[in-house]
Amino acid sequence: MVMEIRLGDIVRLRKPHPCGSYEWQVVRLGADIGIKCCRCDRRVLLPRRKFEKSVKALVGREKGAP
């Protein structure tokens, strides 16, 4: 089952980023998902399957996101 993810979504991952943040913003969709750390703005590209396994919760949507 495919997760319903949109650009601008804020997601909480299971493991923290080295900067200490658990929250990431979705910046790219497709077979690979691009996410950006909400604390240090680091960008990471993950395969969709790995992304879906590592997501713990959908925190919210960015204001003004489509």
PDB file of N, CA and C in Angstrom:
ATOM      1  N   MET A   1       0.835  -1.185   0.000  1.00  0.00           N
ATOM      2  CA  MET A   1       0.000   0.000   0.000  1.00  0.00           C
ATOM      3  C   MET A   1       0.883   1.254   0.000  1.00  0.00           C
ATOM      4  N   VAL A   2       0.605   2.186  -0.878  1.00  0.00           N
ATOM      5  CA  VAL A   2       1.401   3.396  -1.028  1.00  0.00           C
ATOM      6  C   VAL A   2       0.907   4.465  -0.064  1.00  0.00           C
ATOM      7  N   MET A   3       1.849   5.129   0.614  1.00  0.00           N
ATOM      8  CA  MET A   3       1.495   6.218   1.532  1.00  0.00           C
ATOM      9  C   MET A   3       1.021   7.431   0.750  1.00  0.00           C
ATOM     10  N   GLU A   4       0.099   8.167   1.315  1.00  0.00           N
ATOM     11  CA  GLU A   4      -0.392   9.406   0.707  1.00  0.00           C
ATOM     12  C   GLU A   4       0.491  10.558   1.189  1.00  0.00           C
ATOM     13  N   ILE A   5       1.507  10.884   0.394  1.00  0.00           N
ATOM     14  CA  ILE A   5       2.463  11.944   0.730  1.00  0.00           C
ATOM     15  C   ILE A   5       2.346  13.052  -0.302  1.00  0.00           C
ATOM     16  N   ARG A   6       2.419  14.291   0.145  1.00  0.00           N
ATOM     17  CA  ARG A   6       2.379  15.454  -0.744  1.00  0.00           C
ATOM     18  C   ARG A   6       3.593  16.328  -0.511  1.00  0.00           C
ATOM     19  N   LEU A   7       3.897  17.163  -1.490  1.00  0.00           N
ATOM     20  CA  LEU A   7       4.976  18.135  -1.315  1.00  0.00           C
ATOM     21  C   LEU A   7       4.639  19.051  -0.151  1.00  0.00           C
ATOM     22  N   GLY A   8       5.627  19.336   0.665  1.00  0.00           N
ATOM     23  CA  GLY A   8       5.419  20.221   1.797  1.00  0.00           C
ATOM     24  C   GLY A   8       5.014  19.529   3.083  1.00  0.00           C
ATOM     25  N   ASP A   9       4.737  18.216   3.035  1.00  0.00           N
ATOM     26  CA  ASP A   9       4.384  17.486   4.250  1.00  0.00           C
ATOM     27  C   ASP A   9       5.577  17.468   5.210  1.00  0.00           C
ATOM     28  N   ILE A  10       5.281  17.515   6.497  1.00  0.00           N
ATOM     29  CA  ILE A  10       6.303  17.360   7.529  1.00  0.00           C
ATOM     30  C   ILE A  10       6.101  15.974   8.132  1.00  0.00           C
ATOM     31  N   VAL A  11       7.161  15.156   8.097  1.00  0.00           N
ATOM     32  CA  VAL A  11       7.080  13.795   8.628  1.00  0.00           C
ATOM     33  C   VAL A  11       8.102  13.608   9.744  1.00  0.00           C
ATOM     34  N   ARG A  12       7.768  12.702  10.672  1.00  0.00           N
ATOM     35  CA  ARG A  12       8.693  12.349  11.751  1.00  0.00           C
ATOM     36  C   ARG A  12       9.247  10.974  11.431  1.00  0.00           C
ATOM     37  N   LEU A  13      10.589  10.860  11.388  1.00  0.00           N
ATOM     38  CA  LEU A  13      11.237   9.585  11.105  1.00  0.00           C
ATOM     39  C   LEU A  13      11.572   8.851  12.392  1.00  0.00           C
ATOM     40  N   ARG A  14      11.832   7.555  12.278  1.00  0.00           N
ATOM     41  CA  ARG A  14      12.109   6.726  13.447  1.00  0.00           C
ATOM     42  C   ARG A  14      13.455   7.037  14.094  1.00  0.00           C
ATOM     43  N   LYS A  15      14.456   7.342  13.284  1.00  0.00           N
ATOM     44  CA  LYS A  15      15.788   7.632  13.817  1.00  0.00           C
ATOM     45  C   LYS A  15      16.106   9.111  13.616  1.00  0.00           C
ATOM     46  N   PRO A  16      16.823   9.717  14.554  1.00  0.00           N
ATOM     47  CA  PRO A  16      17.141  11.140  14.411  1.00  0.00           C
ATOM     48  C   PRO A  16      18.271  11.381  13.416  1.00  0.00           C
ATOM     49  N   HIS A  17      18.281  12.559  12.838  1.00  0.00           N
ATOM     50  CA  HIS A  17      19.386  13.030  12.014  1.00  0.00           C
ATOM     51  C   HIS A  17      20.533  13.357  12.974  1.00  0.00           C
ATOM     52  N   PRO A  18      21.784  13.319  12.539  1.00  0.00           N
ATOM     53  CA  PRO A  18      22.894  13.648  13.437  1.00  0.00           C
ATOM     54  C   PRO A  18      22.770  15.017  14.124  1.00  0.00           C
ATOM     55  N   CYS A  19      22.014  15.947  13.543  1.00  0.00           N
ATOM     56  CA  CYS A  19      21.824  17.249  14.189  1.00  0.00           C
ATOM     57  C   CYS A  19      20.824  17.156  15.338  1.00  0.00           C
ATOM     58  N   GLY A  20      20.102  16.028  15.457  1.00  0.00           N
ATOM     59  CA  GLY A  20      19.174  15.813  16.562  1.00  0.00           C
ATOM     60  C   GLY A  20      17.706  15.926  16.196  1.00  0.00           C
ATOM     61  N   SER A  21      17.390  16.337  14.985  1.00  0.00           N
ATOM     62  CA  SER A  21      16.008  16.532  14.573  1.00  0.00           C
ATOM     63  C   SER A  21      15.393  15.233  14.045  1.00  0.00           C
ATOM     64  N   TYR A  22      14.123  15.030  14.377  1.00  0.00           N
ATOM     65  CA  TYR A  22      13.362  13.888  13.862  1.00  0.00           C
ATOM     66  C   TYR A  22      12.453  14.310  12.711  1.00  0.00           C
ATOM     67  N   GLU A  23      12.250  15.600  12.529  1.00  0.00           N
ATOM     68  CA  GLU A  23      11.266  16.090  11.569  1.00  0.00           C
ATOM     69  C   GLU A  23      11.913  16.519  10.248  1.00  0.00           C
ATOM     70  N   TRP A  24      11.243  16.117   9.159  1.00  0.00           N
ATOM     71  CA  TRP A  24      11.723  16.377   7.803  1.00  0.00           C
ATOM     72  C   TRP A  24      10.570  16.881   6.947  1.00  0.00           C
ATOM     73  N   GLN A  25      10.890  17.703   5.962  1.00  0.00           N
ATOM     74  CA  GLN A  25       9.897  18.209   5.016  1.00  0.00           C
ATOM     75  C   GLN A  25      10.095  17.530   3.673  1.00  0.00           C
ATOM     76  N   VAL A  26       8.998  17.098   3.043  1.00  0.00           N
ATOM     77  CA  VAL A  26       9.060  16.449   1.734  1.00  0.00           C
ATOM     78  C   VAL A  26       9.234  17.528   0.661  1.00  0.00           C
ATOM     79  N   VAL A  27      10.300  17.402  -0.144  1.00  0.00           N
ATOM     80  CA  VAL A  27      10.583  18.404  -1.176  1.00  0.00           C
ATOM     81  C   VAL A  27      10.578  17.826  -2.589  1.00  0.00           C
ATOM     82  N   ARG A  28      10.502  16.492  -2.728  1.00  0.00           N
ATOM     83  CA  ARG A  28      10.496  15.861  -4.048  1.00  0.00           C
ATOM     84  C   ARG A  28       9.720  14.556  -3.962  1.00  0.00           C
ATOM     85  N   LEU A  29       8.903  14.297  -4.972  1.00  0.00           N
ATOM     86  CA  LEU A  29       8.125  13.057  -5.032  1.00  0.00           C
ATOM     87  C   LEU A  29       8.450  12.293  -6.301  1.00  0.00           C
ATOM     88  N   GLY A  30       8.243  11.002  -6.267  1.00  0.00           N
ATOM     89  CA  GLY A  30       8.492  10.143  -7.416  1.00  0.00           C
ATOM     90  C   GLY A  30       8.876   8.770  -6.905  1.00  0.00           C
ATOM     91  N   ALA A  31       9.667   8.042  -7.680  1.00  0.00           N
ATOM     92  CA  ALA A  31      10.158   6.749  -7.227  1.00  0.00           C
ATOM     93  C   ALA A  31      11.087   6.948  -6.038  1.00  0.00           C
ATOM     94  N   ASP A  32      11.790   8.079  -6.022  1.00  0.00           N
ATOM     95  CA  ASP A  32      12.618   8.481  -4.895  1.00  0.00           C
ATOM     96  C   ASP A  32      11.944   9.671  -4.224  1.00  0.00           C
ATOM     97  N   ILE A  33      12.070   9.747  -2.899  1.00  0.00           N
ATOM     98  CA  ILE A  33      11.481  10.839  -2.132  1.00  0.00           C
ATOM     99  C   ILE A  33      12.612  11.726  -1.629  1.00  0.00           C
ATOM    100  N   GLY A  34      12.521  13.013  -1.907  1.00  0.00           N
ATOM    101  CA  GLY A  34      13.493  13.980  -1.407  1.00  0.00           C
ATOM    102  C   GLY A  34      12.956  14.609  -0.138  1.00  0.00           C
ATOM    103  N   ILE A  35      13.778  14.605   0.922  1.00  0.00           N
ATOM    104  CA  ILE A  35      13.366  15.214   2.181  1.00  0.00           C
ATOM    105  C   ILE A  35      14.438  16.188   2.653  1.00  0.00           C
ATOM    106  N   LYS A  36      14.009  17.199   3.432  1.00  0.00           N
ATOM    107  CA  LYS A  36      14.906  18.226   3.942  1.00  0.00           C
ATOM    108  C   LYS A  36      14.740  18.300   5.445  1.00  0.00           C
ATOM    109  N   CYS A  37      15.853  18.261   6.186  1.00  0.00           N
ATOM    110  CA  CYS A  37      15.822  18.338   7.638  1.00  0.00           C
ATOM    111  C   CYS A  37      15.266  19.699   8.053  1.00  0.00           C
ATOM    112  N   CYS A  38      14.349  19.696   8.997  1.00  0.00           N
ATOM    113  CA  CYS A  38      13.721  20.942   9.441  1.00  0.00           C
ATOM    114  C   CYS A  38      14.643  21.779  10.318  1.00  0.00           C
ATOM    115  N   ARG A  39      15.697  21.207  10.879  1.00  0.00           N
ATOM    116  CA  ARG A  39      16.603  21.958  11.740  1.00  0.00           C
ATOM    117  C   ARG A  39      17.813  22.505  10.974  1.00  0.00           C
ATOM    118  N   CYS A  40      18.497  21.648  10.197  1.00  0.00           N
ATOM    119  CA  CYS A  40      19.753  22.082   9.555  1.00  0.00           C
ATOM    120  C   CYS A  40      19.646  22.231   8.041  1.00  0.00           C
ATOM    121  N   ASP A  41      18.478  21.974   7.442  1.00  0.00           N
ATOM    122  CA  ASP A  41      18.225  22.116   6.004  1.00  0.00           C
ATOM    123  C   ASP A  41      19.026  21.167   5.116  1.00  0.00           C
ATOM    124  N   ARG A  42      19.544  20.087   5.665  1.00  0.00           N
ATOM    125  CA  ARG A  42      20.245  19.071   4.875  1.00  0.00           C
ATOM    126  C   ARG A  42      19.224  18.328   4.022  1.00  0.00           C
ATOM    127  N   ARG A  43      19.553  18.067   2.751  1.00  0.00           N
ATOM    128  CA  ARG A  43      18.649  17.340   1.854  1.00  0.00           C
ATOM    129  C   ARG A  43      19.148  15.918   1.635  1.00  0.00           C
ATOM    130  N   VAL A  44      18.192  14.980   1.615  1.00  0.00           N
ATOM    131  CA  VAL A  44      18.499  13.563   1.428  1.00  0.00           C
ATOM    132  C   VAL A  44      17.502  12.994   0.433  1.00  0.00           C
ATOM    133  N   LEU A  45      17.965  12.092  -0.419  1.00  0.00           N
ATOM    134  CA  LEU A  45      17.111  11.417  -1.390  1.00  0.00           C
ATOM    135  C   LEU A  45      17.039   9.939  -0.998  1.00  0.00           C
ATOM    136  N   LEU A  46      15.808   9.445  -0.746  1.00  0.00           N
ATOM    137  CA  LEU A  46      15.606   8.053  -0.337  1.00  0.00           C
ATOM    138  C   LEU A  46      14.692   7.335  -1.317  1.00  0.00           C
ATOM    139  N   PRO A  47      14.938   6.045  -1.572  1.00  0.00           N
ATOM    140  CA  PRO A  47      13.976   5.270  -2.349  1.00  0.00           C
ATOM    141  C   PRO A  47      12.638   5.242  -1.601  1.00  0.00           C
ATOM    142  N   ARG A  48      11.542   5.257  -2.337  1.00  0.00           N
ATOM    143  CA  ARG A  48      10.202   5.325  -1.723  1.00  0.00           C
ATOM    144  C   ARG A  48      10.002   4.222  -0.681  1.00  0.00           C
ATOM    145  N   ARG A  49      10.429   3.015  -0.986  1.00  0.00           N
ATOM    146  CA  ARG A  49      10.225   1.885  -0.063  1.00  0.00           C
ATOM    147  C   ARG A  49      10.937   2.117   1.275  1.00  0.00           C
ATOM    148  N   LYS A  50      12.180   2.587   1.223  1.00  0.00           N
ATOM    149  CA  LYS A  50      12.936   2.858   2.453  1.00  0.00           C
ATOM    150  C   LYS A  50      12.317   4.027   3.221  1.00  0.00           C
ATOM    151  N   PHE A  51      11.863   5.047   2.490  1.00  0.00           N
ATOM    152  CA  PHE A  51      11.211   6.201   3.113  1.00  0.00           C
ATOM    153  C   PHE A  51       9.965   5.764   3.877  1.00  0.00           C
ATOM    154  N   GLU A  52       9.117   4.946   3.244  1.00  0.00           N
ATOM    155  CA  GLU A  52       7.873   4.510   3.880  1.00  0.00           C
ATOM    156  C   GLU A  52       8.136   3.668   5.127  1.00  0.00           C
ATOM    157  N   LYS A  53       9.216   2.892   5.130  1.00  0.00           N
ATOM    158  CA  LYS A  53       9.557   2.098   6.309  1.00  0.00           C
ATOM    159  C   LYS A  53      10.058   2.977   7.453  1.00  0.00           C
ATOM    160  N   SER A  54      10.737   4.071   7.126  1.00  0.00           N
ATOM    161  CA  SER A  54      11.346   4.896   8.163  1.00  0.00           C
ATOM    162  C   SER A  54      10.424   5.978   8.716  1.00  0.00           C
ATOM    163  N   VAL A  55       9.266   6.213   8.090  1.00  0.00           N
ATOM    164  CA  VAL A  55       8.334   7.232   8.586  1.00  0.00           C
ATOM    165  C   VAL A  55       7.579   6.697   9.793  1.00  0.00           C
ATOM    166  N   LYS A  56       7.596   7.485  10.868  1.00  0.00           N
ATOM    167  CA  LYS A  56       6.867   7.121  12.080  1.00  0.00           C
ATOM    168  C   LYS A  56       5.495   7.781  12.098  1.00  0.00           C
ATOM    169  N   ALA A  57       5.432   9.058  11.681  1.00  0.00           N
ATOM    170  CA  ALA A  57       4.158   9.779  11.720  1.00  0.00           C
ATOM    171  C   ALA A  57       4.177  10.947  10.752  1.00  0.00           C
ATOM    172  N   LEU A  58       2.995  11.328  10.298  1.00  0.00           N
ATOM    173  CA  LEU A  58       2.819  12.537   9.505  1.00  0.00           C
ATOM    174  C   LEU A  58       2.483  13.646  10.500  1.00  0.00           C
ATOM    175  N   VAL A  59       3.377  14.634  10.620  1.00  0.00           N
ATOM    176  CA  VAL A  59       3.210  15.695  11.611  1.00  0.00           C
ATOM    177  C   VAL A  59       2.224  16.739  11.118  1.00  0.00           C
ATOM    178  N   GLY A  60       2.349  17.136   9.851  1.00  0.00           N
ATOM    179  CA  GLY A  60       1.438  18.142   9.327  1.00  0.00           C
ATOM    180  C   GLY A  60       1.792  18.539   7.917  1.00  0.00           C
ATOM    181  N   ARG A  61       1.047  19.498   7.422  1.00  0.00           N
ATOM    182  CA  ARG A  61       1.274  20.005   6.084  1.00  0.00           C
ATOM    183  C   ARG A  61       1.770  21.438   6.181  1.00  0.00           C
ATOM    184  N   GLU A  62       2.629  21.820   5.248  1.00  0.00           N
ATOM    185  CA  GLU A  62       3.127  23.184   5.206  1.00  0.00           C
ATOM    186  C   GLU A  62       1.974  24.117   4.809  1.00  0.00           C
ATOM    187  N   LYS A  63       1.945  25.283   5.385  1.00  0.00           N
ATOM    188  CA  LYS A  63       0.893  26.236   5.044  1.00  0.00           C
ATOM    189  C   LYS A  63       1.039  26.653   3.592  1.00  0.00           C
ATOM    190  N   GLY A  64      -0.064  26.610   2.851  1.00  0.00           N
ATOM    191  CA  GLY A  64      -0.055  27.001   1.445  1.00  0.00           C
ATOM    192  C   GLY A  64       0.390  25.896   0.499  1.00  0.00           C
ATOM    193  N   ALA A  65       0.598  24.680   1.007  1.00  0.00           N
ATOM    194  CA  ALA A  65       1.004  23.572   0.144  1.00  0.00           C
ATOM    195  C   ALA A  65      -0.184  23.125  -0.703  1.00  0.00           C
ATOM    196  N   PRO A  66       0.061  22.678  -1.937  1.00  0.00           N
ATOM    197  CA  PRO A  66      -1.042  22.236  -2.805  1.00  0.00           C
ATOM    198  C   PRO A  66      -1.723  20.982  -2.303  1.00  0.00           C
TER     199      PRO A  66
END
